């Protein structure tokens, strides 16, 4: 691939405001139940912050703040989706594509008391994008969710955006001759993983037509379902 990485970086770093806004929107979409399962937000934030560091540390700090805000807003989007859908969200095609086992792990963090388990769960790949939705589905208190979201998003942004700004340029400098190939390979791997999950999910559905899947229902999901039913009766 004949691609001048340094020329591309110079061109992008000349538009720091647009880059910061792009990273904020990317972190929102990544956290909002979906994009993080296809394109890991860490990859986007690290590369973007590495480029942003060329514009000065004032822009890096701005980027860290806005990435954290975007991530927390994405958490709220996931929470709203989970709150409206309730525990049945686990059986949707979206959650199936992201892994029901990851949903169950996320719900395990929700069932624990306090804020710390939610903060920890929000840092884990695969589970992170489902924690907020599982919080909504379990109808946990909003103050607990808000605190966990703000703290978790801030930690995530400082680690990946700050780390990208500090060390990303070293990676780009040493790997620039092969970086386009690495990015292309990474995208092919992501596409392959996504396709494999889709095919496996369809095969499972086709192999068990009309079958009933029995699973353990967590206390948080059972309580949330009871609240939803009671709310429906009250509305009626």
Protein backbone atom coordinates (compact mmCIF):
# COMPACT_ATOMS: atom_id res chain seq x y z
CA UNK A 1 0.00 0.00 0.00
CA UNK A 2 1.41 3.36 -1.05
CA UNK A 3 0.12 5.52 1.78
CA UNK A 4 2.08 8.31 3.45
CA UNK A 5 1.02 7.94 7.08
CA UNK A 6 2.83 11.07 8.23
CA UNK A 7 1.22 13.23 5.52
CA UNK A 8 -2.17 11.86 6.53
CA UNK A 9 -1.49 12.61 10.20
CA UNK A 10 -0.42 16.16 9.36
CA UNK A 11 -3.61 16.70 7.37
CA UNK A 12 -5.88 15.36 10.12
CA UNK A 13 -4.05 17.07 12.98
CA UNK A 14 -4.64 20.37 11.20
CA UNK A 15 -8.34 20.00 12.06
CA UNK A 16 -8.20 19.30 15.83
CA UNK A 17 -11.75 20.46 16.52
CA UNK A 18 -13.23 18.06 13.97
CA UNK A 19 -11.04 15.25 15.30
CA UNK A 20 -12.14 15.86 18.89
CA UNK A 21 -15.80 15.89 17.86
CA UNK A 22 -15.27 12.69 15.85
CA UNK A 23 -13.74 10.93 18.87
CA UNK A 24 -16.60 12.10 21.09
CA UNK A 25 -19.24 10.80 18.67
CA UNK A 26 -17.32 7.55 18.18
CA UNK A 27 -17.17 6.97 21.94
CA UNK A 28 -20.90 7.67 22.20
CA UNK A 29 -21.76 5.16 19.47
CA UNK A 30 -19.28 2.64 20.86
CA UNK A 31 -20.88 2.73 24.30
CA UNK A 32 -24.45 2.90 23.04
CA UNK A 33 -25.05 -0.83 22.61
CA UNK A 34 -23.70 -1.82 19.22
CA UNK A 35 -20.65 -0.30 17.60
CA UNK A 36 -18.22 -1.58 20.24
CA UNK A 37 -19.02 -5.14 19.18
CA UNK A 38 -17.85 -4.40 15.62
CA UNK A 39 -15.10 -1.80 15.96
CA UNK A 40 -13.45 -1.64 19.40
CA UNK A 41 -13.60 1.92 20.68
CA UNK A 42 -10.12 1.63 22.17
CA UNK A 43 -8.61 1.32 18.69
CA UNK A 44 -10.36 4.45 17.41
CA UNK A 45 -9.60 6.50 20.53
CA UNK A 46 -5.93 5.48 20.73
CA UNK A 47 -5.22 6.27 17.08
CA UNK A 48 -7.22 9.48 17.17
CA UNK A 49 -5.51 10.68 20.35
CA UNK A 50 -2.10 9.88 18.92
CA UNK A 51 -2.87 12.14 15.97
CA UNK A 52 -4.44 14.76 18.24
CA UNK A 53 -1.25 15.02 20.32
CA UNK A 54 0.40 16.72 17.32
CA UNK A 55 -2.00 19.64 17.82
CA UNK A 56 -0.91 20.22 21.42
CA UNK A 57 -1.80 18.99 24.89
CA UNK A 58 -4.60 21.51 25.23
CA UNK A 59 -6.47 19.63 22.52
CA UNK A 60 -5.55 16.30 24.10
CA UNK A 61 -7.12 17.34 27.42
CA UNK A 62 -10.17 18.60 25.55
CA UNK A 63 -10.36 15.28 23.77
CA UNK A 64 -10.14 13.31 27.03
CA UNK A 65 -13.02 15.31 28.52
CA UNK A 66 -15.25 15.04 25.44
CA UNK A 67 -14.52 11.34 24.96
CA UNK A 68 -15.59 10.75 28.57
CA UNK A 69 -18.75 12.81 28.02
CA UNK A 70 -19.53 10.97 24.80
CA UNK A 71 -18.98 7.59 26.47
CA UNK A 72 -21.30 8.51 29.34
CA UNK A 73 -23.98 9.71 26.91
CA UNK A 74 -23.63 6.39 25.10
CA UNK A 75 -24.09 4.64 28.44
CA UNK A 76 -27.33 6.56 28.90
CA UNK A 77 -28.51 5.49 25.45
CA UNK A 78 -27.88 1.86 26.38
CA UNK A 79 -29.59 2.35 29.74
CA UNK A 80 -32.67 3.84 28.05
CA UNK A 81 -32.84 0.95 25.56
CA UNK A 82 -32.53 -1.60 28.36
CA UNK A 83 -35.10 0.23 30.52
CA UNK A 84 -37.68 0.22 27.73
CA UNK A 85 -37.05 -3.33 26.55
CA UNK A 86 -36.54 -4.99 29.93
CA UNK A 87 -35.07 -8.52 30.36
CA UNK A 88 -36.46 -9.69 26.96
CA UNK A 89 -33.68 -7.60 25.39
CA UNK A 90 -31.43 -10.61 25.99
CA UNK A 91 -33.29 -12.53 23.29
CA UNK A 92 -32.99 -9.88 20.58
CA UNK A 93 -30.79 -10.34 17.52
CA UNK A 94 -28.59 -7.44 18.63
CA UNK A 95 -27.64 -9.08 21.92
CA UNK A 96 -27.30 -12.46 20.19
CA UNK A 97 -24.74 -10.96 17.81
CA UNK A 98 -22.81 -9.53 20.77
CA UNK A 99 -23.03 -12.74 22.76
CA UNK A 100 -25.63 -13.82 25.29
CA UNK A 101 -22.82 -14.99 27.55
CA UNK A 102 -21.54 -11.40 27.62
CA UNK A 103 -25.05 -10.24 28.56
CA UNK A 104 -25.12 -12.71 31.44
CA UNK A 105 -21.70 -11.52 32.60
CA UNK A 106 -22.88 -7.92 32.46
CA UNK A 107 -25.98 -8.81 34.45
CA UNK A 108 -23.71 -10.48 37.00
CA UNK A 109 -21.99 -7.14 37.61
CA UNK A 110 -25.38 -5.45 37.94
CA UNK A 111 -26.52 -7.89 40.61
CA UNK A 112 -23.62 -7.04 42.88
CA UNK A 113 -24.06 -4.24 45.36
CA UNK A 114 -22.43 -0.85 45.00
CA UNK A 115 -20.88 1.17 42.20
CA UNK A 116 -17.48 -0.53 41.90
CA UNK A 117 -18.69 -3.69 40.10
CA UNK A 118 -20.37 -1.54 37.43
CA UNK A 119 -17.22 0.58 37.01
CA UNK A 120 -15.12 -2.57 36.60
CA UNK A 121 -17.60 -4.14 34.19
CA UNK A 122 -17.53 -1.02 32.04
CA UNK A 123 -13.81 -1.51 31.37
CA UNK A 124 -14.04 -5.11 30.12
CA UNK A 125 -14.06 -5.79 26.35
CA UNK A 126 -17.20 -7.52 25.14
CA UNK A 127 -19.05 -6.87 28.38
CA UNK A 128 -18.60 -3.10 28.49
CA UNK A 129 -21.17 -2.20 25.82
CA UNK A 130 -23.82 -4.35 27.53
CA UNK A 131 -23.43 -3.16 31.12
CA UNK A 132 -25.53 -0.02 30.65
CA UNK A 133 -28.34 -1.87 28.86
CA UNK A 134 -28.39 -4.54 31.57
CA UNK A 135 -28.57 -1.78 34.20
CA UNK A 136 -31.65 -0.43 32.46
CA UNK A 137 -33.20 -3.86 32.02
CA UNK A 138 -32.70 -4.58 35.73
CA UNK A 139 -34.17 -1.16 36.63
CA UNK A 140 -31.35 -0.27 39.01
CA UNK A 141 -31.52 3.15 40.66
CA UNK A 142 -30.48 6.00 38.39
CA UNK A 143 -28.07 7.61 40.93
CA UNK A 144 -26.11 4.34 41.10
CA UNK A 145 -26.01 4.07 37.31
CA UNK A 146 -25.05 7.73 36.85
CA UNK A 147 -22.17 7.55 39.30
CA UNK A 148 -20.84 4.33 37.76
CA UNK A 149 -21.18 5.74 34.24
CA UNK A 150 -19.36 9.00 34.99
CA UNK A 151 -16.54 7.30 36.91
CA UNK A 152 -16.20 4.42 34.46
CA UNK A 153 -16.27 6.66 31.38
CA UNK A 154 -13.67 8.98 32.87
CA UNK A 155 -11.31 6.10 33.69
CA UNK A 156 -11.81 4.61 30.23
CA UNK A 157 -11.10 7.94 28.53
CA UNK A 158 -8.00 8.75 30.62
CA UNK A 159 -6.52 5.29 30.01
CA UNK A 160 -7.13 5.05 26.26
CA UNK A 161 -7.18 8.68 25.10
CA UNK A 162 -4.37 9.68 27.46
CA UNK A 163 -2.38 6.56 26.65
CA UNK A 164 -2.86 7.10 22.94
CA UNK A 165 -1.58 10.65 23.21
CA UNK A 166 1.46 9.58 25.26
CA UNK A 167 2.54 6.45 23.40
CA UNK A 168 0.59 6.41 20.15
CA UNK A 169 3.17 8.45 18.25
CA UNK A 170 5.88 5.95 19.15
CA UNK A 171 3.78 3.17 17.67
CA UNK A 172 3.03 5.18 14.55
CA UNK A 173 6.70 6.13 14.09
CA UNK A 174 8.04 2.60 14.33
CA UNK A 175 5.18 0.86 12.54
CA UNK A 176 4.41 3.46 9.87
CA UNK A 177 5.86 1.33 7.00
CA UNK A 178 3.49 -1.55 7.78
CA UNK A 179 0.70 0.33 9.56
CA UNK A 180 -1.69 0.37 6.54
CA UNK A 181 -1.32 -3.40 6.25
CA UNK A 182 -1.90 -3.85 9.96
CA UNK A 183 -5.05 -1.72 9.84
CA UNK A 184 -6.33 -3.62 6.79
CA UNK A 185 -5.61 -6.94 8.49
CA UNK A 186 -7.34 -5.81 11.67
CA UNK A 187 -10.43 -4.77 9.71
CA UNK A 188 -10.48 -8.15 7.93
CA UNK A 189 -10.26 -9.94 11.29
CA UNK A 190 -13.15 -7.87 12.65
CA UNK A 191 -15.23 -8.59 9.57
CA UNK A 192 -14.44 -12.29 9.87
CA UNK A 193 -15.39 -12.43 13.54
CA UNK A 194 -18.64 -10.57 12.89
CA UNK A 195 -19.53 -12.87 9.97
CA UNK A 196 -18.71 -15.97 12.02
CA UNK A 197 -20.96 -14.83 14.86
CA UNK A 198 -23.82 -14.18 12.45
CA UNK A 199 -23.47 -17.57 10.79
CA UNK A 200 -23.20 -19.37 14.14
CA UNK A 201 -26.29 -17.59 15.44
CA UNK A 202 -28.30 -18.51 12.33
CA UNK A 203 -27.18 -22.14 12.49
CA UNK A 204 -28.24 -22.39 16.11
CA UNK A 205 -31.64 -20.93 15.29
CA UNK A 206 -32.06 -23.24 12.28
CA UNK A 207 -30.89 -26.29 14.20
CA UNK A 208 -33.47 -25.88 16.96
CA UNK A 209 -36.72 -24.76 15.31
CA UNK A 210 -39.49 -24.27 17.80
CA UNK A 211 -37.29 -25.36 20.68
CA UNK A 212 -37.54 -23.72 24.06
CA UNK A 213 -34.35 -22.51 25.67
CA UNK A 214 -34.37 -22.81 29.43
CA UNK A 215 -31.93 -20.69 31.33
CA UNK A 216 -31.39 -19.32 34.80
CA UNK A 217 -33.12 -15.99 35.31
CA UNK A 218 -31.12 -13.69 37.53
CA UNK A 219 -32.81 -12.04 40.54
CA UNK A 220 -32.28 -8.63 38.99
CA UNK A 221 -34.01 -9.67 35.76
CA UNK A 222 -36.88 -11.34 37.62
CA UNK A 223 -37.45 -8.27 39.77
CA UNK A 224 -37.30 -5.97 36.74
CA UNK A 225 -39.84 -8.13 34.89
CA UNK A 226 -42.21 -8.01 37.86
CA UNK A 227 -41.95 -4.23 37.92
CA UNK A 228 -42.72 -4.04 34.20
CA UNK A 229 -45.76 -6.26 34.58
CA UNK A 230 -46.99 -4.29 37.58
CA UNK A 231 -46.53 -1.06 35.66
CA UNK A 232 -48.54 -2.48 32.77
CA UNK A 233 -51.37 -3.46 35.10
CA UNK A 234 -51.40 -0.01 36.65
CA UNK A 235 -51.60 1.61 33.21
CA UNK A 236 -54.46 -0.67 32.28
